[in-house]
Structure formats: C-alpha cells, structure tokens
C-alpha atoms as a PDB file:
ATOM      1  CA  MET A   1     -96.232-193.387 160.169  1.00  0.00           C
ATOM      2  CA  THR A   2     -92.349-194.045 159.619  1.00  0.00           C
ATOM      3  CA  ILE A   3     -90.410-190.845 159.526  1.00  0.00           C
ATOM      4  CA  ASN A   4     -86.746-190.169 158.625  1.00  0.00           C
ATOM      5  CA  ILE A   5     -84.141-187.448 157.781  1.00  0.00           C
ATOM      6  CA  LYS A   6     -81.510-188.128 155.522  1.00  0.00           C
ATOM      7  CA  LYS A   7     -78.347-185.269 155.111  1.00  0.00           C
ATOM      8  CA  CYS A   8     -77.793-185.389 151.112  1.00  0.00           C
ATOM      9  CA  SER A   9     -74.309-185.880 149.972  1.00  0.00           C
ATOM     10  CA  HIS A  10     -72.768-185.935 146.466  1.00  0.00           C
ATOM     11  CA  GLU A  11     -74.093-189.002 144.940  1.00  0.00           C
ATOM     12  CA  ASP A  12     -78.068-188.342 145.532  1.00  0.00           C
ATOM     13  CA  LEU A  13     -77.482-185.599 142.932  1.00  0.00           C
ATOM     14  CA  LYS A  14     -79.367-187.988 140.358  1.00  0.00           C
ATOM     15  CA  ILE A  15     -82.652-187.513 142.995  1.00  0.00           C
ATOM     16  CA  LEU A  16     -82.328-184.376 144.081  1.00  0.00           C
ATOM     17  CA  LEU A  17     -82.631-183.175 140.853  1.00  0.00           C
ATOM     18  CA  GLU A  18     -85.705-185.331 140.188  1.00  0.00           C
ATOM     19  CA  ILE A  19     -87.847-184.479 143.177  1.00  0.00           C
ATOM     20  CA  SER A  20     -86.839-180.431 142.707  1.00  0.00           C
ATOM     21  CA  LEU A  21     -88.725-180.578 139.529  1.00  0.00           C
ATOM     22  CA  GLU A  22     -91.168-182.921 139.834  1.00  0.00           C
ATOM     23  CA  THR A  23     -92.562-181.010 143.483  1.00  0.00           C
ATOM     24  CA  PHE A  24     -91.726-177.318 142.221  1.00  0.00           C
ATOM     25  CA  ASN A  25     -93.578-178.311 138.785  1.00  0.00           C
ATOM     26  CA  ASP A  26     -96.469-179.626 140.621  1.00  0.00           C
ATOM     27  CA  THR A  27     -96.671-176.787 143.409  1.00  0.00           C
ATOM     28  CA  PHE A  28     -96.270-173.383 140.739  1.00  0.00           C
ATOM     29  CA  LYS A  29     -97.412-175.090 137.488  1.00  0.00           C
ATOM     30  CA  ASP A  30    -101.079-174.348 138.119  1.00  0.00           C
ATOM     31  CA  GLN A  31     -99.998-169.870 138.633  1.00  0.00           C
ATOM     32  CA  ASN A  32     -97.175-169.686 135.490  1.00  0.00           C
ATOM     33  CA  SER A  33     -96.952-169.732 132.783  1.00  0.00           C
ATOM     34  CA  SER A  34     -94.904-172.264 130.408  1.00  0.00           C
ATOM     35  CA  GLU A  35     -92.549-171.045 129.139  1.00  0.00           C
ATOM     36  CA  ASN A  36     -91.665-169.078 132.664  1.00  0.00           C
ATOM     37  CA  MET A  37     -91.902-172.407 134.243  1.00  0.00           C
ATOM     38  CA  LYS A  38     -89.787-174.529 131.515  1.00  0.00           C
ATOM     39  CA  ALA A  39     -87.215-171.386 131.520  1.00  0.00           C
ATOM     40  CA  TYR A  40     -86.770-171.351 135.330  1.00  0.00           C
ATOM     41  CA  LEU A  41     -86.530-174.880 136.036  1.00  0.00           C
ATOM     42  CA  ASP A  42     -84.285-175.731 133.451  1.00  0.00           C
ATOM     43  CA  SER A  43     -81.576-172.737 135.072  1.00  0.00           C
ATOM     44  CA  ALA A  44     -82.474-173.544 139.155  1.00  0.00           C
ATOM     45  CA  PHE A  45     -82.606-177.371 138.748  1.00  0.00           C
ATOM     46  CA  ASN A  46     -79.721-179.018 135.834  1.00  0.00           C
ATOM     47  CA  THR A  47     -77.192-180.942 137.315  1.00  0.00           C
ATOM     48  CA  GLU A  48     -74.120-178.773 136.845  1.00  0.00           C
ATOM     49  CA  GLN A  49     -76.031-176.217 139.543  1.00  0.00           C
ATOM     50  CA  LEU A  50     -77.518-178.535 142.021  1.00  0.00           C
ATOM     51  CA  GLU A  51     -73.865-180.357 142.370  1.00  0.00           C
ATOM     52  CA  LYS A  52     -72.796-176.241 142.972  1.00  0.00           C
ATOM     53  CA  GLU A  53     -75.812-176.026 145.467  1.00  0.00           C
ATOM     54  CA  LEU A  54     -74.471-179.525 146.262  1.00  0.00           C
ATOM     55  CA  SER A  55     -70.783-178.273 147.243  1.00  0.00           C
ATOM     56  CA  ASN A  56     -71.385-174.935 149.444  1.00  0.00           C
ATOM     57  CA  ILE A  57     -69.398-175.590 152.561  1.00  0.00           C
ATOM     58  CA  SER A  58     -72.433-172.543 154.060  1.00  0.00           C
ATOM     59  CA  SER A  59     -75.859-175.323 152.190  1.00  0.00           C
ATOM     60  CA  GLN A  60     -76.573-178.290 153.624  1.00  0.00           C
ATOM     61  CA  PHE A  61     -79.158-180.637 151.627  1.00  0.00           C
ATOM     62  CA  PHE A  62     -81.481-183.117 154.005  1.00  0.00           C
ATOM     63  CA  PHE A  63     -83.481-185.360 152.568  1.00  0.00           C
ATOM     64  CA  VAL A  64     -86.948-186.403 154.796  1.00  0.00           C
ATOM     65  CA  TYR A  65     -88.637-190.275 153.939  1.00  0.00           C
ATOM     66  CA  CYS A  66     -91.695-191.728 155.350  1.00  0.00           C
ATOM     67  CA  HIS A  67     -91.604-195.208 154.979  1.00  0.00           C
ATOM     68  CA  HIS A  68     -88.742-195.720 153.628  1.00  0.00           C
ATOM     69  CA  GLU A  69     -89.890-194.181 150.431  1.00  0.00           C
ATOM     70  CA  VAL A  70     -88.028-190.059 149.050  1.00  0.00           C
ATOM     71  CA  ALA A  71     -91.065-187.451 150.009  1.00  0.00           C
ATOM     72  CA  GLY A  72     -89.290-184.308 150.422  1.00  0.00           C
ATOM     73  CA  TYR A  73     -86.209-181.582 151.669  1.00  0.00           C
ATOM     74  CA  LEU A  74     -84.610-178.871 153.142  1.00  0.00           C
ATOM     75  CA  LYS A  75     -82.498-176.380 151.405  1.00  0.00           C
ATOM     76  CA  VAL A  76     -81.087-174.030 154.357  1.00  0.00           C
ATOM     77  CA  ASN A  77     -77.890-171.676 154.479  1.00  0.00           C
ATOM     78  CA  THR A  78     -75.914-168.943 156.243  1.00  0.00           C
ATOM     79  CA  ASP A  79     -73.429-167.150 155.538  1.00  0.00           C
ATOM     80  CA  ASP A  80     -73.018-165.649 152.113  1.00  0.00           C
ATOM     81  CA  ALA A  81     -75.194-168.727 150.416  1.00  0.00           C
ATOM     82  CA  GLN A  82     -77.822-167.030 151.726  1.00  0.00           C
ATOM     83  CA  SER A  83     -79.999-165.336 148.835  1.00  0.00           C
ATOM     84  CA  GLU A  84     -80.206-162.074 150.722  1.00  0.00           C
ATOM     85  CA  GLU A  85     -77.899-159.991 152.892  1.00  0.00           C
ATOM     86  CA  MET A  86     -79.223-161.700 156.170  1.00  0.00           C
ATOM     87  CA  GLY A  87     -76.000-161.719 157.988  1.00  0.00           C
ATOM     88  CA  ASP A  88     -73.931-164.317 160.005  1.00  0.00           C
ATOM     89  CA  GLU A  89     -76.238-164.568 162.873  1.00  0.00           C
ATOM     90  CA  SER A  90     -79.619-165.683 160.508  1.00  0.00           C
ATOM     91  CA  LEU A  91     -79.790-169.244 159.038  1.00  0.00           C
ATOM     92  CA  GLU A  92     -82.694-168.929 155.374  1.00  0.00           C
ATOM     93  CA  ILE A  93     -84.845-172.011 154.787  1.00  0.00           C
ATOM     94  CA  GLU A  94     -84.347-171.584 151.140  1.00  0.00           C
ATOM     95  CA  ARG A  95     -86.553-174.951 150.144  1.00  0.00           C
ATOM     96  CA  ILE A  96     -88.923-177.117 152.245  1.00  0.00           C
ATOM     97  CA  TYR A  97     -90.281-179.230 148.635  1.00  0.00           C
ATOM     98  CA  ILE A  98     -92.487-181.829 149.618  1.00  0.00           C
ATOM     99  CA  LYS A  99     -94.017-184.569 147.185  1.00  0.00           C
ATOM    100  CA  LYS A 100     -97.721-183.845 146.859  1.00  0.00           C
ATOM    101  CA  GLU A 101     -99.197-187.523 148.109  1.00  0.00           C
ATOM    102  CA  PHE A 102     -97.092-186.604 151.189  1.00  0.00           C
ATOM    103  CA  GLN A 103     -98.161-183.023 151.638  1.00  0.00           C
ATOM    104  CA  LYS A 104    -100.878-182.687 154.826  1.00  0.00           C
ATOM    105  CA  HIS A 105     -98.757-185.159 156.775  1.00  0.00           C
ATOM    106  CA  GLY A 106     -97.032-183.083 158.587  1.00  0.00           C
ATOM    107  CA  LEU A 107     -93.850-183.672 157.282  1.00  0.00           C
ATOM    108  CA  GLY A 108     -93.110-179.938 156.554  1.00  0.00           C
ATOM    109  CA  LYS A 109     -93.408-179.061 160.213  1.00  0.00           C
ATOM    110  CA  HIS A 110     -90.476-182.063 160.842  1.00  0.00           C
ATOM    111  CA  LEU A 111     -88.021-180.649 158.285  1.00  0.00           C
ATOM    112  CA  LEU A 112     -88.909-176.834 160.416  1.00  0.00           C
ATOM    113  CA  HIS A 113     -88.276-178.320 163.101  1.00  0.00           C
ATOM    114  CA  LYS A 114     -84.911-179.347 161.745  1.00  0.00           C
ATOM    115  CA  ALA A 115     -83.392-176.541 160.693  1.00  0.00           C
ATOM    116  CA  LEU A 116     -84.658-174.304 163.788  1.00  0.00           C
ATOM    117  CA  ASP A 117     -82.300-177.003 165.573  1.00  0.00           C
ATOM    118  CA  ILE A 118     -79.533-176.601 162.660  1.00  0.00           C
ATOM    119  CA  ALA A 119     -80.321-172.628 163.379  1.00  0.00           C
ATOM    120  CA  LEU A 120     -80.058-173.179 167.332  1.00  0.00           C
ATOM    121  CA  GLU A 121     -77.029-176.260 166.735  1.00  0.00           C
ATOM    122  CA  CYS A 122     -74.648-172.746 165.273  1.00  0.00           C
ATOM    123  CA  ASN A 123     -76.040-170.251 167.759  1.00  0.00           C
ATOM    124  CA  LYS A 124     -78.553-168.252 164.929  1.00  0.00           C
ATOM    125  CA  LYS A 125     -80.499-165.746 166.561  1.00  0.00           C
ATOM    126  CA  LYS A 126     -83.322-165.948 163.801  1.00  0.00           C
ATOM    127  CA  ILE A 127     -84.472-167.885 160.198  1.00  0.00           C
ATOM    128  CA  TRP A 128     -86.103-166.591 157.856  1.00  0.00           C
ATOM    129  CA  LEU A 129     -87.185-167.762 154.089  1.00  0.00           C
ATOM    130  CA  GLY A 130     -88.845-165.960 151.077  1.00  0.00           C
ATOM    131  CA  VAL A 131     -92.302-167.990 150.735  1.00  0.00           C
ATOM    132  CA  TRP A 132     -94.748-166.321 146.867  1.00  0.00           C
ATOM    133  CA  GLU A 133     -97.098-164.335 148.320  1.00  0.00           C
ATOM    134  CA  LYS A 134     -99.458-165.882 146.405  1.00  0.00           C
ATOM    135  CA  ASN A 135     -99.059-169.895 147.893  1.00  0.00           C
ATOM    136  CA  GLU A 136    -101.072-168.631 150.694  1.00  0.00           C
ATOM    137  CA  ASN A 137    -101.038-172.438 152.291  1.00  0.00           C
ATOM    138  CA  ALA A 138     -96.804-171.997 152.847  1.00  0.00           C
ATOM    139  CA  VAL A 139     -98.037-168.295 154.091  1.00  0.00           C
ATOM    140  CA  ALA A 140    -100.478-169.943 156.763  1.00  0.00           C
ATOM    141  CA  PHE A 141     -98.461-172.789 157.623  1.00  0.00           C
ATOM    142  CA  TYR A 142     -95.613-170.984 158.767  1.00  0.00           C
ATOM    143  CA  LYS A 143     -97.724-167.896 160.738  1.00  0.00           C
ATOM    144  CA  LYS A 144     -98.697-170.313 162.386  1.00  0.00           C
ATOM    145  CA  MET A 145     -95.303-171.674 163.063  1.00  0.00           C
ATOM    146  CA  GLY A 146     -94.480-168.691 165.111  1.00  0.00           C
ATOM    147  CA  PHE A 147     -92.855-166.424 161.620  1.00  0.00           C
ATOM    148  CA  VAL A 148     -93.612-163.613 160.281  1.00  0.00           C
ATOM    149  CA  GLN A 149     -92.963-161.339 157.566  1.00  0.00           C
ATOM    150  CA  THR A 150     -90.645-158.571 157.453  1.00  0.00           C
ATOM    151  CA  GLY A 151     -90.429-157.199 153.823  1.00  0.00           C
ATOM    152  CA  THR A 152     -90.384-158.486 150.257  1.00  0.00           C
ATOM    153  CA  HIS A 153     -88.105-159.728 147.540  1.00  0.00           C
ATOM    154  CA  SER A 154     -88.099-160.223 144.154  1.00  0.00           C
ATOM    155  CA  PHE A 155     -88.232-163.189 142.661  1.00  0.00           C
ATOM    156  CA  TYR A 156     -87.459-163.982 138.772  1.00  0.00           C
ATOM    157  CA  MET A 157     -90.049-167.106 138.023  1.00  0.00           C
ATOM    158  CA  GLY A 158     -88.130-167.254 133.865  1.00  0.00           C
ATOM    159  CA  ASP A 159     -88.787-163.227 132.868  1.00  0.00           C
ATOM    160  CA  GLU A 160     -91.923-162.805 135.340  1.00  0.00           C
ATOM    161  CA  GLU A 161     -91.618-160.499 138.181  1.00  0.00           C
ATOM    162  CA  GLN A 162     -93.026-162.160 141.436  1.00  0.00           C
ATOM    163  CA  THR A 163     -92.672-160.677 144.723  1.00  0.00           C
ATOM    164  CA  ASP A 164     -91.680-163.207 147.529  1.00  0.00           C
ATOM    165  CA  PHE A 165     -92.339-162.492 151.252  1.00  0.00           C
ATOM    166  CA  ILE A 166     -90.235-162.497 153.510  1.00  0.00           C
ATOM    167  CA  MET A 167     -90.648-163.978 157.007  1.00  0.00           C
ATOM    168  CA  THR A 168     -89.267-164.256 159.788  1.00  0.00           C
ATOM    169  CA  LYS A 169     -89.141-165.947 163.249  1.00  0.00           C
ATOM    170  CA  THR A 170     -86.429-164.790 166.316  1.00  0.00           C
ATOM    171  CA  LEU A 171     -84.864-167.862 167.676  1.00  0.00           C
ATOM    172  CA  MET A 172     -82.860-165.824 170.748  1.00  0.00           C
END
C-alpha cells in the first residue's frame, strides 16, 4: 500500500470541503438528528470557514493519500488556533478524518505520527485532542496510542450540547 502525506494549500480547498463533509457525515449521522447534522455541517464546513482556517498561520492541514487517492486529512493547531486554552507548549490535533473505505488500514496512525513529528519539531511538550465520548473506536485508538483522558469540554452539534473527552499525550 502506497501512503503519502502532503501539506494542503488554498488550491486544495474544494477537495478539503468535500472530504470534510463526507467523513464527518459518515461518522456521526447515525447518532445525531439530521437537523443538528445539517446545522453543524453548514457552519463548520463551508468554503468561507475552511478558507479562514487554511489562512491561519497557527493551523496546518495535511492530506493522506492511499494509492494516489485522497483518503483523509489531518488538522493541527498551535498557539491561539487551539480550540481550548492549552498554552504555548501544546499542539492540538483538531481533526483526523479518514474516508470510510480507507478506515482500518493504518492511515489514522500515519496522520497521528505526522502530528507528533510536527509537535516535536515545534518543541511542544504535549499533544492533545477532543474526541466525542460516544466515539468508542476513536477513544480506544487514542488510548492505544498513549493518550490519556485529562478532562472534558462541550461540543455543540447544532443545538445539542455533547461531551468531548480531552485526551493528552506528554512528549517531553
């Protein structure tokens, strides 16, 4: 299996939008109302929002390719781009999204290792993420990769408040 990771640019916006909508919808549509899904997708994954995120110098996006096809992506944040106040010594993994047909092929692990590499290059002492408490597969994956739950925060899916586990891995 040929796997490559490439940093995204503004030219990738259309593909980024498509894969964001597809992967988020595939992952969460069965556990959420269609109204809340639509509200969230419309606000989080539109051209203007993703353009703004791509333009933020404290955020980076990377596509993972499997056999030359975009299979998913990673989004990491530092400094004030982090979705929680975690300090200058932290890097946030905001998204690891893999298309359904490419799941269970180790691509998430490749993207996680990319995030760890970035954190180390930036001299960060910890890496963290938020994961929905009901996303048992993702929680198990992050635990297996050395993350521990260190807190919770609220995540709004439309008008529904949900709980995300804050999971952290110390690097130094």
